[in-house]
Amino acid sequence: MKIQEFQALIAEIYLDRDSARGIEGTHMWFAEEVGELTRALRRGDDHENLEEEFADVLAWLSTMASMSGVDLAEAATKKYANGCPGCNAVPCACGGKKE
């Protein structure tokens, strides 16, 4: 599934409910999911659980992007299509420092 397809699917499933909650409340849920992913990584959880946690983080990020009118695929392409935004190299040659 492509990013745009995933974002559209998440919007179809959750956008009405998430929009009713608002961006601040939805961001709180997103932050909680990031925390769950962090804990899973620190614990060295099995691959299946890590997949679930990464998917949850991506889903919450997608719904916030939709609520904000941002197309994730377009935003990622604009920023990273030419490599590192700082040095335009692949792999990054500047250490990821922003210019």
N, C-alpha and C. Protein backbone atom coordinates (compact mmCIF):
# COMPACT_ATOMS: atom_id res chain seq x y z
N MET A 1 0.84 -1.18 0.00
CA MET A 1 0.00 0.00 0.00
C MET A 1 0.89 1.24 0.00
N LYS A 2 0.55 2.20 -0.83
CA LYS A 2 1.30 3.45 -0.90
C LYS A 2 0.85 4.38 0.22
N ILE A 3 1.70 5.35 0.56
CA ILE A 3 1.40 6.27 1.65
C ILE A 3 0.06 6.98 1.42
N GLN A 4 -0.19 7.46 0.21
CA GLN A 4 -1.45 8.16 -0.08
C GLN A 4 -2.65 7.24 0.13
N GLU A 5 -2.51 5.98 -0.26
CA GLU A 5 -3.60 5.02 -0.06
C GLU A 5 -3.83 4.77 1.43
N PHE A 6 -2.75 4.65 2.18
CA PHE A 6 -2.86 4.43 3.61
C PHE A 6 -3.51 5.63 4.29
N GLN A 7 -3.06 6.84 3.93
CA GLN A 7 -3.64 8.04 4.53
C GLN A 7 -5.13 8.13 4.21
N ALA A 8 -5.52 7.81 2.99
CA ALA A 8 -6.93 7.84 2.61
C ALA A 8 -7.73 6.79 3.38
N LEU A 9 -7.18 5.61 3.57
CA LEU A 9 -7.86 4.56 4.33
C LEU A 9 -8.06 4.98 5.78
N ILE A 10 -7.02 5.52 6.40
CA ILE A 10 -7.12 5.96 7.79
C ILE A 10 -8.14 7.09 7.91
N ALA A 11 -8.17 7.98 6.92
CA ALA A 11 -9.16 9.07 6.93
C ALA A 11 -10.57 8.49 6.84
N GLU A 12 -10.75 7.51 5.99
CA GLU A 12 -12.08 6.90 5.83
C GLU A 12 -12.53 6.23 7.14
N ILE A 13 -11.59 5.59 7.82
CA ILE A 13 -11.93 4.87 9.05
C ILE A 13 -12.12 5.82 10.23
N TYR A 14 -11.23 6.81 10.38
CA TYR A 14 -11.16 7.57 11.64
C TYR A 14 -11.34 9.08 11.56
N LEU A 15 -11.31 9.68 10.38
CA LEU A 15 -11.22 11.14 10.31
C LEU A 15 -12.39 11.86 10.98
N ASP A 16 -13.60 11.38 10.82
CA ASP A 16 -14.74 12.05 11.45
C ASP A 16 -14.59 12.07 12.97
N ARG A 17 -14.28 10.92 13.55
CA ARG A 17 -14.13 10.83 15.01
C ARG A 17 -12.95 11.66 15.49
N ASP A 18 -11.82 11.56 14.78
CA ASP A 18 -10.63 12.31 15.20
C ASP A 18 -10.85 13.81 15.05
N SER A 19 -11.53 14.22 14.00
CA SER A 19 -11.81 15.64 13.79
C SER A 19 -12.71 16.18 14.90
N ALA A 20 -13.67 15.37 15.34
CA ALA A 20 -14.56 15.80 16.43
C ALA A 20 -13.76 15.98 17.72
N ARG A 21 -12.72 15.17 17.92
CA ARG A 21 -11.87 15.27 19.11
C ARG A 21 -10.97 16.51 19.02
N GLY A 22 -10.61 16.89 17.81
CA GLY A 22 -9.73 18.03 17.60
C GLY A 22 -8.27 17.63 17.50
N ILE A 23 -7.48 18.54 16.96
CA ILE A 23 -6.06 18.24 16.73
C ILE A 23 -5.30 18.07 18.05
N GLU A 24 -5.62 18.86 19.06
CA GLU A 24 -4.90 18.74 20.33
C GLU A 24 -5.16 17.40 20.99
N GLY A 25 -6.42 16.98 21.04
CA GLY A 25 -6.74 15.69 21.63
C GLY A 25 -6.18 14.54 20.82
N THR A 26 -6.22 14.67 19.52
CA THR A 26 -5.68 13.63 18.65
C THR A 26 -4.17 13.55 18.81
N HIS A 27 -3.53 14.70 18.95
CA HIS A 27 -2.08 14.68 19.16
C HIS A 27 -1.72 13.99 20.48
N MET A 28 -2.54 14.14 21.49
CA MET A 28 -2.28 13.44 22.75
C MET A 28 -2.30 11.93 22.55
N TRP A 29 -3.26 11.44 21.75
CA TRP A 29 -3.29 10.01 21.45
C TRP A 29 -2.06 9.59 20.66
N PHE A 30 -1.65 10.43 19.71
CA PHE A 30 -0.45 10.16 18.92
C PHE A 30 0.77 10.06 19.84
N ALA A 31 0.90 11.00 20.77
CA ALA A 31 2.04 10.98 21.69
C ALA A 31 2.03 9.72 22.54
N GLU A 32 0.86 9.28 22.95
CA GLU A 32 0.77 8.03 23.72
C GLU A 32 1.25 6.85 22.90
N GLU A 33 0.87 6.82 21.62
CA GLU A 33 1.32 5.73 20.75
C GLU A 33 2.83 5.77 20.53
N VAL A 34 3.39 6.97 20.41
CA VAL A 34 4.85 7.08 20.28
C VAL A 34 5.51 6.53 21.54
N GLY A 35 4.92 6.83 22.69
CA GLY A 35 5.44 6.29 23.95
C GLY A 35 5.39 4.77 23.99
N GLU A 36 4.30 4.19 23.50
CA GLU A 36 4.19 2.73 23.45
C GLU A 36 5.25 2.14 22.53
N LEU A 37 5.51 2.79 21.40
CA LEU A 37 6.55 2.33 20.50
C LEU A 37 7.92 2.42 21.17
N THR A 38 8.16 3.51 21.86
CA THR A 38 9.43 3.70 22.56
C THR A 38 9.65 2.57 23.57
N ARG A 39 8.61 2.27 24.35
CA ARG A 39 8.72 1.20 25.34
C ARG A 39 9.00 -0.14 24.67
N ALA A 40 8.31 -0.41 23.57
CA ALA A 40 8.50 -1.68 22.87
C ALA A 40 9.93 -1.80 22.34
N LEU A 41 10.47 -0.71 21.82
CA LEU A 41 11.85 -0.73 21.32
C LEU A 41 12.83 -0.94 22.46
N ARG A 42 12.62 -0.25 23.56
CA ARG A 42 13.53 -0.39 24.72
C ARG A 42 13.49 -1.79 25.31
N ARG A 43 12.30 -2.40 25.32
CA ARG A 43 12.16 -3.75 25.87
C ARG A 43 12.69 -4.81 24.92
N GLY A 44 12.87 -4.44 23.66
CA GLY A 44 13.28 -5.42 22.66
C GLY A 44 12.15 -6.37 22.31
N ASP A 45 10.92 -5.83 22.23
CA ASP A 45 9.76 -6.65 21.92
C ASP A 45 9.95 -7.40 20.60
N ASP A 46 9.13 -8.43 20.43
CA ASP A 46 9.22 -9.23 19.21
C ASP A 46 8.77 -8.42 18.00
N HIS A 47 9.15 -8.92 16.85
CA HIS A 47 8.91 -8.22 15.58
C HIS A 47 7.42 -7.92 15.36
N GLU A 48 6.58 -8.87 15.71
CA GLU A 48 5.14 -8.68 15.49
C GLU A 48 4.61 -7.49 16.30
N ASN A 49 5.01 -7.37 17.54
CA ASN A 49 4.55 -6.25 18.36
C ASN A 49 5.13 -4.93 17.84
N LEU A 50 6.39 -4.95 17.42
CA LEU A 50 6.98 -3.73 16.86
C LEU A 50 6.22 -3.28 15.61
N GLU A 51 5.85 -4.23 14.77
CA GLU A 51 5.06 -3.88 13.58
C GLU A 51 3.76 -3.20 13.97
N GLU A 52 3.08 -3.73 14.98
CA GLU A 52 1.82 -3.13 15.43
C GLU A 52 2.03 -1.72 15.95
N GLU A 53 3.08 -1.51 16.73
CA GLU A 53 3.33 -0.18 17.30
C GLU A 53 3.71 0.82 16.22
N PHE A 54 4.55 0.42 15.26
CA PHE A 54 4.89 1.32 14.16
C PHE A 54 3.65 1.65 13.34
N ALA A 55 2.79 0.66 13.09
CA ALA A 55 1.56 0.90 12.33
C ALA A 55 0.65 1.88 13.06
N ASP A 56 0.55 1.74 14.39
CA ASP A 56 -0.29 2.66 15.16
C ASP A 56 0.23 4.09 15.07
N VAL A 57 1.54 4.26 15.19
CA VAL A 57 2.13 5.60 15.10
C VAL A 57 1.87 6.20 13.72
N LEU A 58 2.04 5.40 12.69
CA LEU A 58 1.79 5.88 11.33
C LEU A 58 0.32 6.25 11.13
N ALA A 59 -0.59 5.47 11.70
CA ALA A 59 -2.02 5.76 11.57
C ALA A 59 -2.38 7.08 12.24
N TRP A 60 -1.89 7.31 13.46
CA TRP A 60 -2.18 8.56 14.15
C TRP A 60 -1.53 9.74 13.45
N LEU A 61 -0.32 9.57 12.93
CA LEU A 61 0.33 10.64 12.17
C LEU A 61 -0.49 10.95 10.91
N SER A 62 -0.98 9.92 10.26
CA SER A 62 -1.78 10.10 9.05
C SER A 62 -3.06 10.86 9.33
N THR A 63 -3.74 10.53 10.41
CA THR A 63 -5.00 11.22 10.70
C THR A 63 -4.76 12.68 11.05
N MET A 64 -3.66 12.97 11.75
CA MET A 64 -3.36 14.38 12.05
C MET A 64 -3.00 15.14 10.78
N ALA A 65 -2.29 14.49 9.87
CA ALA A 65 -1.97 15.13 8.60
C ALA A 65 -3.25 15.44 7.83
N SER A 66 -4.16 14.49 7.78
CA SER A 66 -5.43 14.71 7.09
C SER A 66 -6.21 15.84 7.73
N MET A 67 -6.25 15.86 9.06
CA MET A 67 -6.95 16.93 9.77
C MET A 67 -6.34 18.29 9.45
N SER A 68 -5.06 18.31 9.13
CA SER A 68 -4.34 19.56 8.86
C SER A 68 -4.27 19.89 7.38
N GLY A 69 -4.85 19.03 6.53
CA GLY A 69 -4.83 19.27 5.09
C GLY A 69 -3.48 18.98 4.44
N VAL A 70 -2.70 18.10 5.07
CA VAL A 70 -1.37 17.77 4.56
C VAL A 70 -1.40 16.38 3.93
N ASP A 71 -0.92 16.29 2.71
CA ASP A 71 -0.73 15.01 2.03
C ASP A 71 0.66 14.52 2.41
N LEU A 72 0.73 13.44 3.18
CA LEU A 72 2.02 12.95 3.68
C LEU A 72 2.99 12.59 2.55
N ALA A 73 2.50 11.95 1.52
CA ALA A 73 3.37 11.56 0.41
C ALA A 73 3.96 12.79 -0.27
N GLU A 74 3.12 13.78 -0.49
CA GLU A 74 3.59 15.01 -1.13
C GLU A 74 4.60 15.73 -0.24
N ALA A 75 4.30 15.82 1.05
CA ALA A 75 5.21 16.50 1.98
C ALA A 75 6.55 15.80 2.05
N ALA A 76 6.53 14.47 2.12
CA ALA A 76 7.78 13.71 2.19
C ALA A 76 8.58 13.85 0.90
N THR A 77 7.88 13.84 -0.23
CA THR A 77 8.56 13.99 -1.52
C THR A 77 9.22 15.35 -1.62
N LYS A 78 8.49 16.41 -1.24
CA LYS A 78 9.05 17.76 -1.31
C LYS A 78 10.31 17.88 -0.46
N LYS A 79 10.30 17.26 0.70
CA LYS A 79 11.42 17.44 1.61
C LYS A 79 12.58 16.49 1.35
N TYR A 80 12.30 15.24 0.95
CA TYR A 80 13.36 14.23 0.90
C TYR A 80 13.66 13.63 -0.47
N ALA A 81 12.98 14.05 -1.53
CA ALA A 81 13.20 13.44 -2.86
C ALA A 81 14.63 13.59 -3.35
N ASN A 82 15.30 14.65 -2.93
CA ASN A 82 16.67 14.87 -3.38
C ASN A 82 17.71 14.43 -2.36
N GLY A 83 17.28 13.64 -1.39
CA GLY A 83 18.20 13.17 -0.36
C GLY A 83 18.07 14.01 0.90
N CYS A 84 19.12 14.11 1.64
CA CYS A 84 19.14 14.88 2.89
C CYS A 84 18.79 16.34 2.58
N PRO A 85 17.84 16.91 3.31
CA PRO A 85 17.49 18.31 3.08
C PRO A 85 18.64 19.28 3.34
N GLY A 86 19.60 18.87 4.15
CA GLY A 86 20.73 19.74 4.46
C GLY A 86 21.82 19.75 3.41
N CYS A 87 22.12 18.55 2.86
CA CYS A 87 23.25 18.46 1.93
C CYS A 87 22.89 17.83 0.59
N ASN A 88 21.64 17.37 0.44
CA ASN A 88 21.16 16.72 -0.78
C ASN A 88 21.91 15.44 -1.12
N ALA A 89 22.60 14.86 -0.16
CA ALA A 89 23.35 13.63 -0.41
C ALA A 89 22.57 12.42 0.08
N VAL A 90 22.83 11.27 -0.57
CA VAL A 90 22.29 9.98 -0.16
C VAL A 90 23.45 9.00 -0.14
N PRO A 91 23.89 8.52 1.01
CA PRO A 91 23.42 8.88 2.35
C PRO A 91 23.87 10.29 2.74
N CYS A 92 23.26 10.77 3.80
CA CYS A 92 23.56 12.12 4.31
C CYS A 92 25.06 12.26 4.60
N ALA A 93 25.61 13.38 4.17
CA ALA A 93 27.03 13.66 4.41
C ALA A 93 27.23 14.76 5.46
N CYS A 94 26.13 15.38 5.90
CA CYS A 94 26.27 16.51 6.83
C CYS A 94 25.90 16.13 8.27
N GLY A 95 25.54 14.87 8.49
CA GLY A 95 25.16 14.46 9.83
C GLY A 95 23.73 14.81 10.17
N GLY A 96 22.93 15.18 9.18
CA GLY A 96 21.53 15.51 9.41
C GLY A 96 21.29 16.88 9.96
N LYS A 97 22.31 17.73 9.93
CA LYS A 97 22.16 19.10 10.44
C LYS A 97 21.33 19.90 9.45
N LYS A 98 20.39 20.67 9.97
CA LYS A 98 19.56 21.51 9.11
C LYS A 98 20.33 22.78 8.76
N GLU A 99 20.14 23.19 7.53
CA GLU A 99 20.78 24.44 7.09
C GLU A 99 19.87 25.61 7.35
